[in-house]
């Protein structure tokens, strides 16, 4: 479906995007990369479109109730067994076969059987969430093709942005997967440079997160840590944040949580301080691979984690995906951008495609009315077993 969707959506306006699976087979037959670091694209890969494209004529306003929005989860949503309910749908096995060739290991087996410790590693879970999420789109198309045909917007949390961009026709599946592989490896390597992590925090209305981070950095400086890092890495929902940085800073926040007006604080099972300046060393590998893959302007609105605004063109996509590594994920702001409307206006149907229901929970906290039309696309249960 993803193949036919991209073809269907882009053929009308550009007439040049090939089937996802056929492209993936071409690319995966010739392993991406070479000893000199060059990414070899298929010989018939079309040249990127120029960034400055003619402005399209204004379309008639659609009834929101006849439209849909797709949300793609990020790292942390993975679990052993995900994908089990998707294998019977068109293209899904092909997608995992392509992933096997690009990644060099059996991603499907890792998703279905684990071991959990391996799946949780950054280098594995990011590709796993990416592929499983796009496989979930295949299921949604099989069960409710109208949800795909009427989709007007998409957003993805962190690595989920790559899945959203593939769905929108902005990137090819195999090339995006290779970029995700490079990204995950670079982030894992950056994480190993210094003891660091991420802390999920729920605060009272009077909590001052930035001030708390300043105090945590001062504590680190008193311990002799040079250039300590501690900052908000994810804006999840009102009074819901993830703070990331040096491990000593996070320990300080937990030890002083009551004084800092934190209702709850919990370390996340991740390997490093993602979306902070401690990921700076990961930016160049991602920037380089994004220079080598084809990126197009999305065919639907896709919203950037960096500022919650929609992508405008190919160069904008490339810039923001790199900047995202060292910038906070502004998910709460993104949801407001997608769902803000005048009083009395109806909301679109929202589908969370991928493992977990975390994005639905955040939507409920940000916009209860929008959540009333939310649906999660299950990645574990086969509809015939329901």
Protein backbone atom coordinates (compact mmCIF):
# COMPACT_ATOMS: atom_id res chain seq x y z
CA UNK A 1 0.00 0.00 0.00
CA UNK A 2 2.71 2.43 0.96
CA UNK A 3 4.09 1.83 -2.50
CA UNK A 4 0.81 2.39 -4.24
CA UNK A 5 -0.03 5.34 -2.00
CA UNK A 6 3.17 7.18 -2.82
CA UNK A 7 2.73 6.42 -6.50
CA UNK A 8 -0.92 7.44 -6.43
CA UNK A 9 -0.31 10.65 -4.54
CA UNK A 10 2.73 11.85 -6.44
CA UNK A 11 1.98 10.57 -9.92
CA UNK A 12 -0.69 13.21 -10.34
CA UNK A 13 1.61 16.11 -9.54
CA UNK A 14 5.03 14.81 -10.53
CA UNK A 15 4.57 11.56 -12.40
CA UNK A 16 7.95 10.29 -11.32
CA UNK A 17 7.89 8.48 -7.97
CA UNK A 18 8.35 4.72 -8.20
CA UNK A 19 6.88 1.95 -6.09
CA UNK A 20 8.34 1.81 -2.60
CA UNK A 21 9.00 -1.89 -2.79
CA UNK A 22 10.51 -1.88 -6.26
CA UNK A 23 12.84 0.95 -5.30
CA UNK A 24 13.70 -0.81 -2.07
CA UNK A 25 14.59 -3.99 -3.92
CA UNK A 26 16.80 -2.07 -6.30
CA UNK A 27 18.61 -0.26 -3.51
CA UNK A 28 18.92 -3.26 -1.20
CA UNK A 29 20.31 -5.48 -3.95
CA UNK A 30 23.24 -3.05 -4.07
CA UNK A 31 24.12 -2.47 -0.43
CA UNK A 32 24.16 1.26 0.40
CA UNK A 33 27.60 2.66 0.94
CA UNK A 34 31.06 1.72 -0.22
CA UNK A 35 34.54 1.74 1.32
CA UNK A 36 34.90 5.42 0.47
CA UNK A 37 31.61 6.27 2.22
CA UNK A 38 29.67 7.02 -0.95
CA UNK A 39 26.01 6.05 -1.03
CA UNK A 40 25.26 4.40 -4.38
CA UNK A 41 21.71 5.18 -5.47
CA UNK A 42 19.82 3.19 -8.11
CA UNK A 43 20.86 4.28 -11.63
CA UNK A 44 17.37 5.45 -12.51
CA UNK A 45 16.85 7.51 -9.36
CA UNK A 46 15.38 10.82 -10.56
CA UNK A 47 17.14 14.07 -9.77
CA UNK A 48 15.76 16.03 -6.79
CA UNK A 49 13.21 18.70 -7.53
CA UNK A 50 14.34 22.28 -7.12
CA UNK A 51 13.41 23.85 -3.80
CA UNK A 52 11.56 26.71 -5.42
CA UNK A 53 8.40 25.20 -6.89
CA UNK A 54 5.35 26.98 -8.29
CA UNK A 55 2.77 27.84 -5.66
CA UNK A 56 -0.24 25.56 -6.02
CA UNK A 57 -3.68 27.07 -6.46
CA UNK A 58 -5.77 27.27 -3.29
CA UNK A 59 -7.92 24.19 -2.90
CA UNK A 60 -11.50 24.18 -1.65
CA UNK A 61 -11.68 23.78 2.14
CA UNK A 62 -12.39 20.20 3.17
CA UNK A 63 -14.69 19.09 5.95
CA UNK A 64 -12.31 18.04 8.77
CA UNK A 65 -14.54 15.06 9.54
CA UNK A 66 -13.67 13.67 6.11
CA UNK A 67 -9.91 14.02 6.67
CA UNK A 68 -7.29 12.11 8.63
CA UNK A 69 -3.98 12.73 10.39
CA UNK A 70 -1.30 10.07 10.91
CA UNK A 71 1.07 10.12 13.90
CA UNK A 72 4.26 8.02 13.92
CA UNK A 73 5.89 7.04 17.25
CA UNK A 74 9.56 7.24 18.14
CA UNK A 75 12.22 5.44 20.15
CA UNK A 76 10.89 4.06 23.42
CA UNK A 77 7.70 2.65 21.91
CA UNK A 78 9.38 -0.61 20.84
CA UNK A 79 8.64 -3.97 22.47
CA UNK A 80 9.31 -7.62 21.69
CA UNK A 81 6.45 -9.02 19.62
CA UNK A 82 5.69 -5.87 17.66
CA UNK A 83 4.90 -6.54 14.03
CA UNK A 84 3.40 -9.98 14.67
CA UNK A 85 -0.04 -8.82 13.59
CA UNK A 86 1.18 -7.18 10.38
CA UNK A 87 2.82 -9.97 8.40
CA UNK A 88 -0.30 -10.96 6.46
CA UNK A 89 -0.71 -7.52 4.89
CA UNK A 90 0.63 -6.63 1.41
CA UNK A 91 4.29 -5.59 1.17
CA UNK A 92 5.09 -6.05 4.88
CA UNK A 93 7.32 -9.11 4.42
CA UNK A 94 9.01 -7.37 1.49
CA UNK A 95 9.68 -4.35 3.72
CA UNK A 96 11.35 -6.52 6.36
CA UNK A 97 13.33 -8.39 3.68
CA UNK A 98 14.63 -5.08 2.35
CA UNK A 99 15.49 -4.04 5.91
CA UNK A 100 17.46 -7.27 6.39
CA UNK A 101 19.64 -6.45 3.39
CA UNK A 102 20.16 -2.79 4.28
CA UNK A 103 20.79 -3.29 7.98
CA UNK A 104 22.73 -6.54 7.72
CA UNK A 105 20.70 -8.40 10.34
CA UNK A 106 17.25 -9.99 10.66
CA UNK A 107 15.13 -7.10 11.91
CA UNK A 108 11.90 -9.10 11.77
CA UNK A 109 13.28 -11.80 14.06
CA UNK A 110 14.54 -9.14 16.47
CA UNK A 111 11.11 -7.48 16.56
CA UNK A 112 9.21 -10.73 17.05
CA UNK A 113 11.54 -12.66 19.33
CA UNK A 114 14.09 -10.25 20.78
CA UNK A 115 16.09 -10.56 22.88
CA UNK A 116 14.74 -7.45 24.58
CA UNK A 117 18.21 -6.18 25.48
CA UNK A 118 19.20 -6.11 21.81
CA UNK A 119 15.93 -4.53 20.64
CA UNK A 120 16.28 -1.75 23.21
CA UNK A 121 19.65 -0.65 21.85
CA UNK A 122 19.49 2.63 19.91
CA UNK A 123 21.11 1.09 16.84
CA UNK A 124 18.34 -1.51 16.64
CA UNK A 125 15.21 0.09 18.03
CA UNK A 126 15.21 3.12 15.71
CA UNK A 127 15.12 1.04 12.50
CA UNK A 128 12.66 -1.34 14.20
CA UNK A 129 10.19 1.40 15.07
CA UNK A 130 10.59 2.98 11.62
CA UNK A 131 9.82 -0.23 9.70
CA UNK A 132 7.05 -1.42 12.04
CA UNK A 133 5.31 1.95 11.81
CA UNK A 134 5.26 1.90 8.02
CA UNK A 135 4.09 -1.72 8.14
CA UNK A 136 1.21 -0.51 10.31
CA UNK A 137 0.27 1.88 7.50
CA UNK A 138 -0.19 -1.18 5.29
CA UNK A 139 -2.66 -2.58 7.80
CA UNK A 140 -4.55 0.70 8.02
CA UNK A 141 -4.84 0.84 4.25
CA UNK A 142 -6.15 -2.74 4.15
CA UNK A 143 -8.76 -2.14 6.84
CA UNK A 144 -9.65 1.49 6.12
CA UNK A 145 -8.29 2.75 2.77
CA UNK A 146 -10.25 5.98 3.13
CA UNK A 147 -8.03 6.94 6.07
CA UNK A 148 -5.05 6.88 3.72
CA UNK A 149 -6.74 8.54 0.78
CA UNK A 150 -8.04 11.45 2.90
CA UNK A 151 -4.88 12.02 4.93
CA UNK A 152 -3.96 15.71 5.01
CA UNK A 153 -1.18 15.77 7.61
CA UNK A 154 1.41 13.62 9.36
CA UNK A 155 3.92 14.02 12.15
CA UNK A 156 6.45 11.73 13.77
CA UNK A 157 8.14 11.80 17.15
CA UNK A 158 11.93 11.98 16.74
CA UNK A 159 12.87 9.05 14.46
CA UNK A 160 9.16 8.84 13.63
CA UNK A 161 9.65 11.89 11.43
CA UNK A 162 11.45 9.72 8.91
CA UNK A 163 8.42 7.40 8.68
CA UNK A 164 6.12 10.39 8.30
CA UNK A 165 8.28 11.73 5.47
CA UNK A 166 8.29 8.38 3.66
CA UNK A 167 4.51 8.20 3.99
CA UNK A 168 4.23 11.72 2.56
CA UNK A 169 6.30 10.86 -0.51
CA UNK A 170 9.22 13.06 0.56
CA UNK A 171 11.66 10.17 0.94
CA UNK A 172 11.97 6.65 -0.45
CA UNK A 173 11.59 3.80 2.02
CA UNK A 174 14.98 2.13 1.51
CA UNK A 175 16.94 5.37 1.41
CA UNK A 176 15.18 6.68 4.51
CA UNK A 177 15.88 3.39 6.31
CA UNK A 178 19.57 3.70 5.48
CA UNK A 179 19.53 7.28 6.83
CA UNK A 180 17.86 6.00 10.01
CA UNK A 181 20.60 3.36 10.31
CA UNK A 182 23.31 6.01 10.04
CA UNK A 183 21.45 8.26 12.49
CA UNK A 184 21.03 5.50 15.07
CA UNK A 185 24.67 4.45 14.87
CA UNK A 186 25.87 8.05 15.20
CA UNK A 187 23.58 8.70 18.18
CA UNK A 188 24.74 5.50 19.87
CA UNK A 189 28.38 6.51 19.37
CA UNK A 190 27.71 10.02 20.73
CA UNK A 191 26.03 8.50 23.77
CA UNK A 192 29.14 6.54 24.63
CA UNK A 193 31.31 9.66 24.89
CA UNK A 194 29.98 10.76 28.28
CA UNK A 195 27.65 9.31 30.98
CA UNK A 196 24.29 10.83 30.15
CA UNK A 197 20.60 10.05 29.93
CA UNK A 198 17.02 11.30 29.87
CA UNK A 199 14.53 11.89 32.68
CA UNK A 200 10.76 11.97 32.21
CA UNK A 201 9.26 14.65 34.45
CA UNK A 202 5.73 15.67 35.33
CA UNK A 203 5.62 18.96 37.19
CA UNK A 204 3.15 21.10 39.03
CA UNK A 205 1.94 24.25 37.24
CA UNK A 206 4.50 26.31 39.16
CA UNK A 207 7.46 24.13 38.15
CA UNK A 208 10.22 26.03 36.37
CA UNK A 209 12.00 23.51 34.17
CA UNK A 210 14.65 25.81 32.73
CA UNK A 211 15.59 27.09 36.20
CA UNK A 212 15.82 23.50 37.40
CA UNK A 213 18.22 22.76 34.55
CA UNK A 214 20.34 25.77 35.45
CA UNK A 215 20.61 24.55 39.05
CA UNK A 216 21.50 21.05 37.85
CA UNK A 217 24.28 22.44 35.66
CA UNK A 218 25.62 24.50 38.56
CA UNK A 219 25.73 21.30 40.60
CA UNK A 220 27.68 19.58 37.83
CA UNK A 221 30.14 22.47 37.69
CA UNK A 222 30.71 22.13 41.43
CA UNK A 223 31.70 18.51 40.75
CA UNK A 224 34.31 19.63 38.24
CA UNK A 225 32.35 18.76 35.09
CA UNK A 226 33.27 21.13 32.29
CA UNK A 227 30.53 22.53 30.06
CA UNK A 228 27.73 20.54 31.74
CA UNK A 229 24.59 19.89 29.73
CA UNK A 230 21.05 19.75 31.11
CA UNK A 231 18.04 20.95 29.12
CA UNK A 232 14.47 20.15 28.15
CA UNK A 233 14.70 17.56 25.38
CA UNK A 234 10.99 16.83 24.81
CA UNK A 235 7.91 19.00 25.29
CA UNK A 236 5.25 16.29 25.59
CA UNK A 237 2.10 17.91 26.99
CA UNK A 238 1.21 20.61 29.55
CA UNK A 239 3.51 20.03 32.55
CA UNK A 240 5.02 16.96 30.88
CA UNK A 241 8.68 17.19 29.88
CA UNK A 242 11.72 15.05 29.27
CA UNK A 243 14.96 16.55 30.52
CA UNK A 244 18.29 15.25 29.23
CA UNK A 245 21.96 15.83 29.93
CA UNK A 246 24.89 14.66 32.02
CA UNK A 247 23.95 11.82 34.37
CA UNK A 248 25.05 13.83 37.42
CA UNK A 249 22.59 16.58 36.44
CA UNK A 250 19.73 14.11 36.19
CA UNK A 251 20.66 12.60 39.56
CA UNK A 252 20.48 16.10 41.05
CA UNK A 253 17.01 16.67 39.59
CA UNK A 254 15.70 13.40 41.02
CA UNK A 255 17.21 14.04 44.44
CA UNK A 256 15.62 17.52 44.53
CA UNK A 257 12.38 16.74 42.74
CA UNK A 258 10.08 17.86 45.57
CA UNK A 259 11.80 21.21 45.96
CA UNK A 260 11.70 21.69 42.18
CA UNK A 261 7.92 21.08 42.12
CA UNK A 262 8.17 17.81 40.22
CA UNK A 263 5.26 15.48 40.89
CA UNK A 264 7.01 12.55 39.25
CA UNK A 265 10.41 11.86 37.70
CA UNK A 266 11.52 8.65 36.03
CA UNK A 267 14.70 7.78 34.11
CA UNK A 268 14.06 6.61 30.55
CA UNK A 269 15.64 3.39 29.26
CA UNK A 270 17.78 5.11 26.63
CA UNK A 271 21.52 5.23 26.14
CA UNK A 272 22.14 8.98 26.03
CA UNK A 273 21.00 12.60 26.15
CA UNK A 274 19.15 12.74 22.84
CA UNK A 275 18.00 16.09 21.46
CA UNK A 276 20.68 18.02 23.37
CA UNK A 277 24.07 19.42 22.43
CA UNK A 278 25.64 16.14 23.60
CA UNK A 279 24.46 14.75 20.25
CA UNK A 280 26.53 17.28 18.29
CA UNK A 281 28.97 14.63 17.05
CA UNK A 282 26.06 12.75 15.44
CA UNK A 283 25.00 15.65 13.24
CA UNK A 284 27.67 15.41 10.57
CA UNK A 285 27.11 11.71 9.71
CA UNK A 286 23.39 12.39 9.34
CA UNK A 287 23.97 15.59 7.36
CA UNK A 288 26.25 13.70 4.98
CA UNK A 289 23.84 10.83 4.31
CA UNK A 290 20.96 13.27 3.79
CA UNK A 291 23.04 15.01 1.12
CA UNK A 292 23.28 11.72 -0.76
CA UNK A 293 19.65 10.53 -0.67
CA UNK A 294 16.78 11.96 -2.63
CA UNK A 295 14.46 14.24 -0.70
CA UNK A 296 11.33 15.84 -2.16
CA UNK A 297 8.76 18.28 -0.89
CA UNK A 298 6.10 16.34 1.06
CA UNK A 299 2.80 15.82 -0.73
CA UNK A 300 0.87 16.45 2.50
CA UNK A 301 1.66 18.62 5.49
CA UNK A 302 4.44 17.07 7.60
CA UNK A 303 5.41 18.89 10.78
CA UNK A 304 8.95 19.30 12.08
CA UNK A 305 9.86 18.45 15.67
CA UNK A 306 12.21 21.43 15.77
CA UNK A 307 9.55 24.14 15.70
CA UNK A 308 6.20 22.43 15.12
CA UNK A 309 5.90 23.99 11.66
CA UNK A 310 5.33 22.15 8.41
CA UNK A 311 8.15 21.36 6.02
CA UNK A 312 8.29 23.66 3.01
CA UNK A 313 10.81 22.04 0.63
CA UNK A 314 13.59 19.48 0.31
CA UNK A 315 16.39 21.61 1.74
CA UNK A 316 14.16 22.52 4.69
CA UNK A 317 13.66 18.81 5.39
CA UNK A 318 17.40 18.14 5.32
CA UNK A 319 18.21 21.08 7.61
CA UNK A 320 15.57 20.31 10.19
CA UNK A 321 16.28 16.58 10.41
CA UNK A 322 19.89 17.38 11.33
CA UNK A 323 18.94 20.20 13.69
CA UNK A 324 16.46 17.88 15.41
CA UNK A 325 19.32 15.81 16.87
CA UNK A 326 20.47 18.70 19.06
CA UNK A 327 17.12 20.46 19.55
CA UNK A 328 14.18 19.62 21.81
CA UNK A 329 11.26 17.73 20.31
CA UNK A 330 8.39 20.22 20.47
CA UNK A 331 5.61 17.66 20.32
CA UNK A 332 3.08 19.63 22.36
CA UNK A 333 3.57 22.60 20.05
CA UNK A 334 3.24 20.34 17.00
CA UNK A 335 -0.10 18.99 18.20
CA UNK A 336 -1.37 22.53 18.76
CA UNK A 337 -0.27 23.45 15.24
CA UNK A 338 -2.09 20.46 13.72
CA UNK A 339 -5.31 20.64 15.71
CA UNK A 340 -5.79 24.33 16.46
CA UNK A 341 -9.10 25.53 14.97
CA UNK A 342 -11.89 27.98 15.56
CA UNK A 343 -14.56 27.07 18.09
CA UNK A 344 -17.20 24.74 16.70
CA UNK A 345 -14.96 23.35 13.93
CA UNK A 346 -14.83 19.57 13.85
CA UNK A 347 -11.64 17.52 14.13
CA UNK A 348 -10.08 15.05 11.69
CA UNK A 349 -9.69 11.36 12.42
CA UNK A 350 -6.30 10.64 13.99
CA UNK A 351 -4.44 7.35 13.60
CA UNK A 352 -1.35 6.36 15.57
CA UNK A 353 0.54 3.98 13.30
CA UNK A 354 3.25 2.03 15.06
CA UNK A 355 4.05 0.34 18.37
CA UNK A 356 2.59 1.72 21.58
CA UNK A 357 -0.10 4.28 22.34
CA UNK A 358 2.04 7.03 23.84
CA UNK A 359 1.18 9.60 21.17
CA UNK A 360 -2.52 9.03 21.79
CA UNK A 361 -2.02 9.59 25.51
CA UNK A 362 -0.20 12.86 24.76
CA UNK A 363 -2.95 13.95 22.37
CA UNK A 364 -5.54 13.33 25.06
CA UNK A 365 -3.62 15.59 27.47
CA UNK A 366 -3.14 18.30 24.84
CA UNK A 367 -6.54 18.25 23.13
CA UNK A 368 -9.37 16.12 24.50
CA UNK A 369 -11.72 16.98 21.64
CA UNK A 370 -9.21 15.88 19.00
CA UNK A 371 -8.65 12.67 20.97
CA UNK A 372 -12.31 11.65 20.59
CA UNK A 373 -11.57 10.62 16.99
CA UNK A 374 -8.24 8.90 17.78
CA UNK A 375 -7.54 5.29 16.77
CA UNK A 376 -4.48 3.14 17.39
CA UNK A 377 -3.44 0.73 14.63
CA UNK A 378 -2.45 -2.46 16.46
CA UNK A 379 0.89 -3.99 15.45
CA UNK A 380 0.59 -7.25 17.42
CA UNK A 381 -2.87 -8.73 16.85
CA UNK A 382 -4.02 -10.11 13.51
CA UNK A 383 -7.55 -8.93 12.70
CA UNK A 384 -8.56 -12.52 11.99
CA UNK A 385 -7.74 -13.36 15.62
CA UNK A 386 -9.79 -10.49 17.05
